[in-house]
Every structure is written in structure tokens, then in C-alpha cells.
């Protein structure tokens, strides 16, 4: 089980622009890896990063550091 307090490294391909239920902040759906484990996860972004994703579109590569906010659904917040 993942420790929800730990920072993680994520990388992957944007496969959707959507928010999980209950999340009001800009987020995207990513297929890739979190700390070297394959995963599909929602990534909550700051407004500037979200605008950049919208500009570049589906299929772009994303990576960075984040904090796990939820296991089910799997949600990571970019830091």
C-alpha cells in the first residue's frame, strides 16, 4: 500500500481531460507510472499547467513530483 503522505514521481501520457467525482480543480487523466509502478491516475494541476495541457492536447508526455491524495480513484496532486 502506498503511503499517502509521501511525495511521488509521476510520468505518463495524457489520455483525457476530466475531473474525478468530487474534485473541482483542473485535472487530467494520465496513463503511465507513479514511483516506477504502472498506473492510470488523475493528476490535479495548477491553472497554468492545466492551460498548457489544453494547448498541447491529448497524447502529450507529462512528468513531475506530486502527492497522492486518494487511492480510489487514484489521484495525484502536482507539487
PDB file of N, CA and C in Angstrom:
ATOM      1  N   UNK A   1       0.840  -1.193   0.000  1.00  0.00           N
ATOM      2  CA  UNK A   1       0.000   0.000   0.000  1.00  0.00           C
ATOM      3  C   UNK A   1       0.876   1.244   0.000  1.00  0.00           C
ATOM      4  N   UNK A   2       0.446   2.243  -0.710  1.00  0.00           N
ATOM      5  CA  UNK A   2       1.208   3.494  -0.788  1.00  0.00           C
ATOM      6  C   UNK A   2       0.993   4.316   0.471  1.00  0.00           C
ATOM      7  N   UNK A   3       2.019   5.013   0.880  1.00  0.00           N
ATOM      8  CA  UNK A   3       1.896   5.955   1.993  1.00  0.00           C
ATOM      9  C   UNK A   3       1.365   7.265   1.419  1.00  0.00           C
ATOM     10  N   UNK A   4       0.183   7.693   1.856  1.00  0.00           N
ATOM     11  CA  UNK A   4      -0.464   8.870   1.279  1.00  0.00           C
ATOM     12  C   UNK A   4       0.285  10.154   1.574  1.00  0.00           C
ATOM     13  N   UNK A   5       1.220  10.143   2.519  1.00  0.00           N
ATOM     14  CA  UNK A   5       1.916  11.362   2.889  1.00  0.00           C
ATOM     15  C   UNK A   5       3.179  11.580   2.051  1.00  0.00           C
ATOM     16  N   UNK A   6       3.622  10.550   1.340  1.00  0.00           N
ATOM     17  CA  UNK A   6       4.891  10.634   0.614  1.00  0.00           C
ATOM     18  C   UNK A   6       4.754  11.358  -0.713  1.00  0.00           C
ATOM     19  N   UNK A   7       5.800  12.042  -1.061  1.00  0.00           N
ATOM     20  CA  UNK A   7       5.894  12.612  -2.395  1.00  0.00           C
ATOM     21  C   UNK A   7       6.202  11.476  -3.359  1.00  0.00           C
ATOM     22  N   UNK A   8       5.685  11.594  -4.577  1.00  0.00           N
ATOM     23  CA  UNK A   8       5.908  10.576  -5.597  1.00  0.00           C
ATOM     24  C   UNK A   8       6.433  11.257  -6.855  1.00  0.00           C
ATOM     25  N   UNK A   9       7.009  10.451  -7.738  1.00  0.00           N
ATOM     26  CA  UNK A   9       7.395  10.926  -9.065  1.00  0.00           C
ATOM     27  C   UNK A   9       6.431  10.277 -10.043  1.00  0.00           C
ATOM     28  N   UNK A  10       5.851  11.063 -10.928  1.00  0.00           N
ATOM     29  CA  UNK A  10       4.921  10.528 -11.914  1.00  0.00           C
ATOM     30  C   UNK A  10       5.421  10.860 -13.317  1.00  0.00           C
ATOM     31  N   UNK A  11       5.023  10.021 -14.260  1.00  0.00           N
ATOM     32  CA  UNK A  11       5.281  10.275 -15.673  1.00  0.00           C
ATOM     33  C   UNK A  11       4.265   9.485 -16.473  1.00  0.00           C
ATOM     34  N   UNK A  12       3.920  10.013 -17.622  1.00  0.00           N
ATOM     35  CA  UNK A  12       2.979   9.291 -18.457  1.00  0.00           C
ATOM     36  C   UNK A  12       2.449  10.138 -19.593  1.00  0.00           C
ATOM     37  N   UNK A  13       1.423   9.602 -20.237  1.00  0.00           N
ATOM     38  CA  UNK A  13       0.792  10.218 -21.393  1.00  0.00           C
ATOM     39  C   UNK A  13      -0.609  10.672 -20.994  1.00  0.00           C
ATOM     40  N   UNK A  14      -0.960  11.890 -21.374  1.00  0.00           N
ATOM     41  CA  UNK A  14      -2.302  12.406 -21.111  1.00  0.00           C
ATOM     42  C   UNK A  14      -3.290  11.655 -22.000  1.00  0.00           C
ATOM     43  N   UNK A  15      -4.297  11.013 -21.369  1.00  0.00           N
ATOM     44  CA  UNK A  15      -5.302  10.271 -22.151  1.00  0.00           C
ATOM     45  C   UNK A  15      -6.696  10.886 -22.011  1.00  0.00           C
ATOM     46  N   UNK A  16      -6.828  11.919 -21.180  1.00  0.00           N
ATOM     47  CA  UNK A  16      -8.119  12.575 -21.052  1.00  0.00           C
ATOM     48  C   UNK A  16      -8.016  13.846 -20.240  1.00  0.00           C
ATOM     49  N   UNK A  17      -8.996  14.719 -20.434  1.00  0.00           N
ATOM     50  CA  UNK A  17      -9.080  15.956 -19.657  1.00  0.00           C
ATOM     51  C   UNK A  17     -10.403  15.870 -18.909  1.00  0.00           C
ATOM     52  N   UNK A  18     -10.344  15.402 -17.657  1.00  0.00           N
ATOM     53  CA  UNK A  18     -11.556  15.190 -16.888  1.00  0.00           C
ATOM     54  C   UNK A  18     -11.254  15.229 -15.399  1.00  0.00           C
ATOM     55  N   UNK A  19     -12.280  15.490 -14.627  1.00  0.00           N
ATOM     56  CA  UNK A  19     -12.144  15.514 -13.184  1.00  0.00           C
ATOM     57  C   UNK A  19     -12.816  14.289 -12.580  1.00  0.00           C
ATOM     58  N   UNK A  20     -12.175  13.679 -11.589  1.00  0.00           N
ATOM     59  CA  UNK A  20     -12.860  12.603 -10.876  1.00  0.00           C
ATOM     60  C   UNK A  20     -14.008  13.192 -10.062  1.00  0.00           C
ATOM     61  N   UNK A  21     -14.961  12.376  -9.741  1.00  0.00           N
ATOM     62  CA  UNK A  21     -16.116  12.826  -8.966  1.00  0.00           C
ATOM     63  C   UNK A  21     -15.670  13.484  -7.661  1.00  0.00           C
ATOM     64  N   UNK A  22     -16.232  14.650  -7.380  1.00  0.00           N
ATOM     65  CA  UNK A  22     -15.931  15.359  -6.146  1.00  0.00           C
ATOM     66  C   UNK A  22     -14.751  16.310  -6.219  1.00  0.00           C
ATOM     67  N   UNK A  23     -14.006  16.304  -7.325  1.00  0.00           N
ATOM     68  CA  UNK A  23     -12.851  17.189  -7.478  1.00  0.00           C
ATOM     69  C   UNK A  23     -13.263  18.366  -8.351  1.00  0.00           C
ATOM     70  N   UNK A  24     -13.099  19.573  -7.845  1.00  0.00           N
ATOM     71  CA  UNK A  24     -13.492  20.775  -8.587  1.00  0.00           C
ATOM     72  C   UNK A  24     -12.311  21.444  -9.284  1.00  0.00           C
ATOM     73  N   UNK A  25     -11.095  21.032  -8.954  1.00  0.00           N
ATOM     74  CA  UNK A  25      -9.893  21.643  -9.514  1.00  0.00           C
ATOM     75  C   UNK A  25      -9.567  21.048 -10.881  1.00  0.00           C
ATOM     76  N   UNK A  26      -8.820  21.792 -11.712  1.00  0.00           N
ATOM     77  CA  UNK A  26      -8.443  21.279 -13.032  1.00  0.00           C
ATOM     78  C   UNK A  26      -7.631  19.987 -12.896  1.00  0.00           C
ATOM     79  N   UNK A  27      -8.016  18.966 -13.646  1.00  0.00           N
ATOM     80  CA  UNK A  27      -7.270  17.713 -13.583  1.00  0.00           C
ATOM     81  C   UNK A  27      -7.335  17.005 -14.929  1.00  0.00           C
ATOM     82  N   UNK A  28      -6.408  16.067 -15.094  1.00  0.00           N
ATOM     83  CA  UNK A  28      -6.300  15.292 -16.323  1.00  0.00           C
ATOM     84  C   UNK A  28      -6.176  13.816 -15.954  1.00  0.00           C
ATOM     85  N   UNK A  29      -6.441  12.956 -16.907  1.00  0.00           N
ATOM     86  CA  UNK A  29      -6.276  11.525 -16.733  1.00  0.00           C
ATOM     87  C   UNK A  29      -4.992  11.112 -17.444  1.00  0.00           C
ATOM     88  N   UNK A  30      -4.146  10.381 -16.736  1.00  0.00           N
ATOM     89  CA  UNK A  30      -2.820  10.016 -17.243  1.00  0.00           C
ATOM     90  C   UNK A  30      -2.640   8.503 -17.170  1.00  0.00           C
ATOM     91  N   UNK A  31      -2.048   7.925 -18.215  1.00  0.00           N
ATOM     92  CA  UNK A  31      -1.622   6.529 -18.182  1.00  0.00           C
ATOM     93  C   UNK A  31      -0.103   6.541 -18.173  1.00  0.00           C
ATOM     94  N   UNK A  32       0.477   5.929 -17.132  1.00  0.00           N
ATOM     95  CA  UNK A  32       1.935   5.943 -17.039  1.00  0.00           C
ATOM     96  C   UNK A  32       2.428   5.229 -15.811  1.00  0.00           C
ATOM     97  N   UNK A  33       3.305   5.912 -15.074  1.00  0.00           N
ATOM     98  CA  UNK A  33       3.943   5.306 -13.907  1.00  0.00           C
ATOM     99  C   UNK A  33       3.958   6.303 -12.752  1.00  0.00           C
ATOM    100  N   UNK A  34       3.789   5.758 -11.562  1.00  0.00           N
ATOM    101  CA  UNK A  34       3.955   6.528 -10.330  1.00  0.00           C
ATOM    102  C   UNK A  34       4.957   5.757  -9.481  1.00  0.00           C
ATOM    103  N   UNK A  35       6.106   6.399  -9.224  1.00  0.00           N
ATOM    104  CA  UNK A  35       7.190   5.718  -8.496  1.00  0.00           C
ATOM    105  C   UNK A  35       7.495   4.342  -9.089  1.00  0.00           C
ATOM    106  N   UNK A  36       7.662   4.285 -10.405  1.00  0.00           N
ATOM    107  CA  UNK A  36       8.062   3.074 -11.131  1.00  0.00           C
ATOM    108  C   UNK A  36       7.023   1.955 -11.124  1.00  0.00           C
ATOM    109  N   UNK A  37       5.766   2.259 -10.751  1.00  0.00           N
ATOM    110  CA  UNK A  37       4.692   1.274 -10.850  1.00  0.00           C
ATOM    111  C   UNK A  37       3.689   1.764 -11.886  1.00  0.00           C
ATOM    112  N   UNK A  38       3.327   0.882 -12.817  1.00  0.00           N
ATOM    113  CA  UNK A  38       2.376   1.259 -13.848  1.00  0.00           C
ATOM    114  C   UNK A  38       1.048   1.648 -13.215  1.00  0.00           C
ATOM    115  N   UNK A  39       0.443   2.723 -13.721  1.00  0.00           N
ATOM    116  CA  UNK A  39      -0.806   3.210 -13.131  1.00  0.00           C
ATOM    117  C   UNK A  39      -1.564   4.079 -14.118  1.00  0.00           C
ATOM    118  N   UNK A  40      -2.859   4.136 -13.914  1.00  0.00           N
ATOM    119  CA  UNK A  40      -3.706   5.134 -14.559  1.00  0.00           C
ATOM    120  C   UNK A  40      -4.213   6.000 -13.418  1.00  0.00           C
ATOM    121  N   UNK A  41      -4.029   7.308 -13.552  1.00  0.00           N
ATOM    122  CA  UNK A  41      -4.332   8.180 -12.416  1.00  0.00           C
ATOM    123  C   UNK A  41      -4.795   9.545 -12.888  1.00  0.00           C
ATOM    124  N   UNK A  42      -5.529  10.204 -11.995  1.00  0.00           N
ATOM    125  CA  UNK A  42      -5.900  11.596 -12.216  1.00  0.00           C
ATOM    126  C   UNK A  42      -4.790  12.466 -11.661  1.00  0.00           C
ATOM    127  N   UNK A  43      -4.467  13.520 -12.373  1.00  0.00           N
ATOM    128  CA  UNK A  43      -3.437  14.458 -11.947  1.00  0.00           C
ATOM    129  C   UNK A  43      -4.076  15.837 -11.799  1.00  0.00           C
ATOM    130  N   UNK A  44      -4.086  16.348 -10.568  1.00  0.00           N
ATOM    131  CA  UNK A  44      -4.613  17.687 -10.308  1.00  0.00           C
ATOM    132  C   UNK A  44      -3.498  18.690 -10.596  1.00  0.00           C
ATOM    133  N   UNK A  45      -3.832  19.702 -11.391  1.00  0.00           N
ATOM    134  CA  UNK A  45      -2.835  20.669 -11.848  1.00  0.00           C
ATOM    135  C   UNK A  45      -3.167  22.082 -11.382  1.00  0.00           C
ATOM    136  N   UNK A  46      -2.146  22.928 -11.356  1.00  0.00           N
ATOM    137  CA  UNK A  46      -2.363  24.355 -11.155  1.00  0.00           C
ATOM    138  C   UNK A  46      -2.920  24.914 -12.461  1.00  0.00           C
ATOM    139  N   UNK A  47      -3.585  26.080 -12.417  1.00  0.00           N
ATOM    140  CA  UNK A  47      -4.220  26.621 -13.627  1.00  0.00           C
ATOM    141  C   UNK A  47      -3.275  26.804 -14.816  1.00  0.00           C
ATOM    142  N   UNK A  48      -2.049  27.255 -14.591  1.00  0.00           N
ATOM    143  CA  UNK A  48      -1.115  27.466 -15.700  1.00  0.00           C
ATOM    144  C   UNK A  48      -0.746  26.132 -16.367  1.00  0.00           C
ATOM    145  N   UNK A  49      -0.483  25.100 -15.572  1.00  0.00           N
ATOM    146  CA  UNK A  49      -0.155  23.781 -16.135  1.00  0.00           C
ATOM    147  C   UNK A  49      -1.346  23.195 -16.883  1.00  0.00           C
ATOM    148  N   UNK A  50      -2.542  23.393 -16.337  1.00  0.00           N
ATOM    149  CA  UNK A  50      -3.757  22.899 -16.982  1.00  0.00           C
ATOM    150  C   UNK A  50      -3.949  23.572 -18.346  1.00  0.00           C
ATOM    151  N   UNK A  51      -3.748  24.876 -18.397  1.00  0.00           N
ATOM    152  CA  UNK A  51      -3.868  25.602 -19.671  1.00  0.00           C
ATOM    153  C   UNK A  51      -2.875  25.075 -20.701  1.00  0.00           C
ATOM    154  N   UNK A  52      -1.664  24.747 -20.256  1.00  0.00           N
ATOM    155  CA  UNK A  52      -0.644  24.207 -21.153  1.00  0.00           C
ATOM    156  C   UNK A  52      -1.065  22.835 -21.691  1.00  0.00           C
ATOM    157  N   UNK A  53      -1.639  21.995 -20.830  1.00  0.00           N
ATOM    158  CA  UNK A  53      -2.131  20.689 -21.274  1.00  0.00           C
ATOM    159  C   UNK A  53      -3.229  20.872 -22.320  1.00  0.00           C
ATOM    160  N   UNK A  54      -4.144  21.788 -22.071  1.00  0.00           N
ATOM    161  CA  UNK A  54      -5.214  22.036 -23.036  1.00  0.00           C
ATOM    162  C   UNK A  54      -4.649  22.515 -24.371  1.00  0.00           C
ATOM    163  N   UNK A  55      -3.611  23.327 -24.315  1.00  0.00           N
ATOM    164  CA  UNK A  55      -2.993  23.847 -25.535  1.00  0.00           C
ATOM    165  C   UNK A  55      -2.323  22.729 -26.330  1.00  0.00           C
ATOM    166  N   UNK A  56      -1.612  21.829 -25.644  1.00  0.00           N
ATOM    167  CA  UNK A  56      -0.853  20.775 -26.319  1.00  0.00           C
ATOM    168  C   UNK A  56      -1.706  19.553 -26.663  1.00  0.00           C
ATOM    169  N   UNK A  57      -2.759  19.305 -25.897  1.00  0.00           N
ATOM    170  CA  UNK A  57      -3.714  18.256 -26.218  1.00  0.00           C
ATOM    171  C   UNK A  57      -3.381  16.862 -25.699  1.00  0.00           C
ATOM    172  N   UNK A  58      -4.291  15.955 -26.018  1.00  0.00           N
ATOM    173  CA  UNK A  58      -4.176  14.550 -25.631  1.00  0.00           C
ATOM    174  C   UNK A  58      -2.942  13.944 -26.293  1.00  0.00           C
ATOM    175  N   UNK A  59      -2.272  13.040 -25.585  1.00  0.00           N
ATOM    176  CA  UNK A  59      -1.125  12.337 -26.147  1.00  0.00           C
ATOM    177  C   UNK A  59       0.222  12.907 -25.756  1.00  0.00           C
ATOM    178  N   UNK A  60       0.216  14.037 -25.073  1.00  0.00           N
ATOM    179  CA  UNK A  60       1.486  14.629 -24.660  1.00  0.00           C
ATOM    180  C   UNK A  60       2.048  13.918 -23.422  1.00  0.00           C
ATOM    181  N   UNK A  61       3.345  13.997 -23.264  1.00  0.00           N
ATOM    182  CA  UNK A  61       4.050  13.417 -22.114  1.00  0.00           C
ATOM    183  C   UNK A  61       4.032  14.417 -20.954  1.00  0.00           C
ATOM    184  N   UNK A  62       3.751  13.925 -19.745  1.00  0.00           N
ATOM    185  CA  UNK A  62       3.838  14.749 -18.539  1.00  0.00           C
ATOM    186  C   UNK A  62       4.689  14.012 -17.515  1.00  0.00           C
ATOM    187  N   UNK A  63       5.362  14.783 -16.662  1.00  0.00           N
ATOM    188  CA  UNK A  63       6.141  14.180 -15.582  1.00  0.00           C
ATOM    189  C   UNK A  63       6.384  15.229 -14.513  1.00  0.00           C
ATOM    190  N   UNK A  64       6.677  14.760 -13.313  1.00  0.00           N
ATOM    191  CA  UNK A  64       6.968  15.681 -12.227  1.00  0.00           C
ATOM    192  C   UNK A  64       6.818  15.031 -10.871  1.00  0.00           C
ATOM    193  N   UNK A  65       6.760  15.882  -9.860  1.00  0.00           N
ATOM    194  CA  UNK A  65       6.598  15.424  -8.472  1.00  0.00           C
ATOM    195  C   UNK A  65       5.171  15.712  -8.036  1.00  0.00           C
ATOM    196  N   UNK A  66       4.666  14.865  -7.168  1.00  0.00           N
ATOM    197  CA  UNK A  66       3.315  15.050  -6.683  1.00  0.00           C
ATOM    198  C   UNK A  66       3.115  14.405  -5.324  1.00  0.00           C
ATOM    199  N   UNK A  67       1.907  14.557  -4.821  1.00  0.00           N
ATOM    200  CA  UNK A  67       1.495  13.948  -3.557  1.00  0.00           C
ATOM    201  C   UNK A  67       0.232  13.152  -3.835  1.00  0.00           C
ATOM    202  N   UNK A  68       0.177  11.900  -3.370  1.00  0.00           N
ATOM    203  CA  UNK A  68      -1.012  11.075  -3.548  1.00  0.00           C
ATOM    204  C   UNK A  68      -2.110  11.595  -2.625  1.00  0.00           C
ATOM    205  N   UNK A  69      -3.255  11.930  -3.218  1.00  0.00           N
ATOM    206  CA  UNK A  69      -4.392  12.433  -2.437  1.00  0.00           C
ATOM    207  C   UNK A  69      -5.450  11.375  -2.216  1.00  0.00           C
ATOM    208  N   UNK A  70      -5.517  10.370  -3.086  1.00  0.00           N
ATOM    209  CA  UNK A  70      -6.547   9.339  -2.976  1.00  0.00           C
ATOM    210  C   UNK A  70      -6.055   8.067  -3.642  1.00  0.00           C
ATOM    211  N   UNK A  71      -6.476   6.944  -3.089  1.00  0.00           N
ATOM    212  CA  UNK A  71      -6.149   5.642  -3.671  1.00  0.00           C
ATOM    213  C   UNK A  71      -7.240   5.153  -4.616  1.00  0.00           C
ATOM    214  N   UNK A  72      -8.493   5.519  -4.339  1.00  0.00           N
ATOM    215  CA  UNK A  72      -9.610   5.017  -5.131  1.00  0.00           C
ATOM    216  C   UNK A  72     -10.667   6.094  -5.270  1.00  0.00           C
ATOM    217  N   UNK A  73     -10.697   6.859  -6.362  1.00  0.00           N
ATOM    218  CA  UNK A  73      -9.805   6.726  -7.517  1.00  0.00           C
ATOM    219  C   UNK A  73      -8.398   7.222  -7.187  1.00  0.00           C
ATOM    220  N   UNK A  74      -7.442   6.779  -7.975  1.00  0.00           N
ATOM    221  CA  UNK A  74      -6.042   7.152  -7.760  1.00  0.00           C
ATOM    222  C   UNK A  74      -5.851   8.589  -8.233  1.00  0.00           C
ATOM    223  N   UNK A  75      -5.545   9.490  -7.283  1.00  0.00           N
ATOM    224  CA  UNK A  75      -5.399  10.903  -7.578  1.00  0.00           C
ATOM    225  C   UNK A  75      -4.058  11.401  -7.050  1.00  0.00           C
ATOM    226  N   UNK A  76      -3.307  12.093  -7.914  1.00  0.00           N
ATOM    227  CA  UNK A  76      -2.031  12.702  -7.538  1.00  0.00           C
ATOM    228  C   UNK A  76      -2.157  14.216  -7.760  1.00  0.00           C
ATOM    229  N   UNK A  77      -1.667  15.003  -6.806  1.00  0.00           N
ATOM    230  CA  UNK A  77      -1.648  16.453  -6.959  1.00  0.00           C
ATOM    231  C   UNK A  77      -0.226  16.887  -7.293  1.00  0.00           C
ATOM    232  N   UNK A  78      -0.072  17.599  -8.419  1.00  0.00           N
ATOM    233  CA  UNK A  78       1.236  18.108  -8.815  1.00  0.00           C
ATOM    234  C   UNK A  78       1.720  19.118  -7.773  1.00  0.00           C
ATOM    235  N   UNK A  79       3.023  19.005  -7.432  1.00  0.00           N
ATOM    236  CA  UNK A  79       3.610  19.979  -6.497  1.00  0.00           C
ATOM    237  C   UNK A  79       4.740  20.727  -7.176  1.00  0.00           C
TER     238      UNK A  79
END
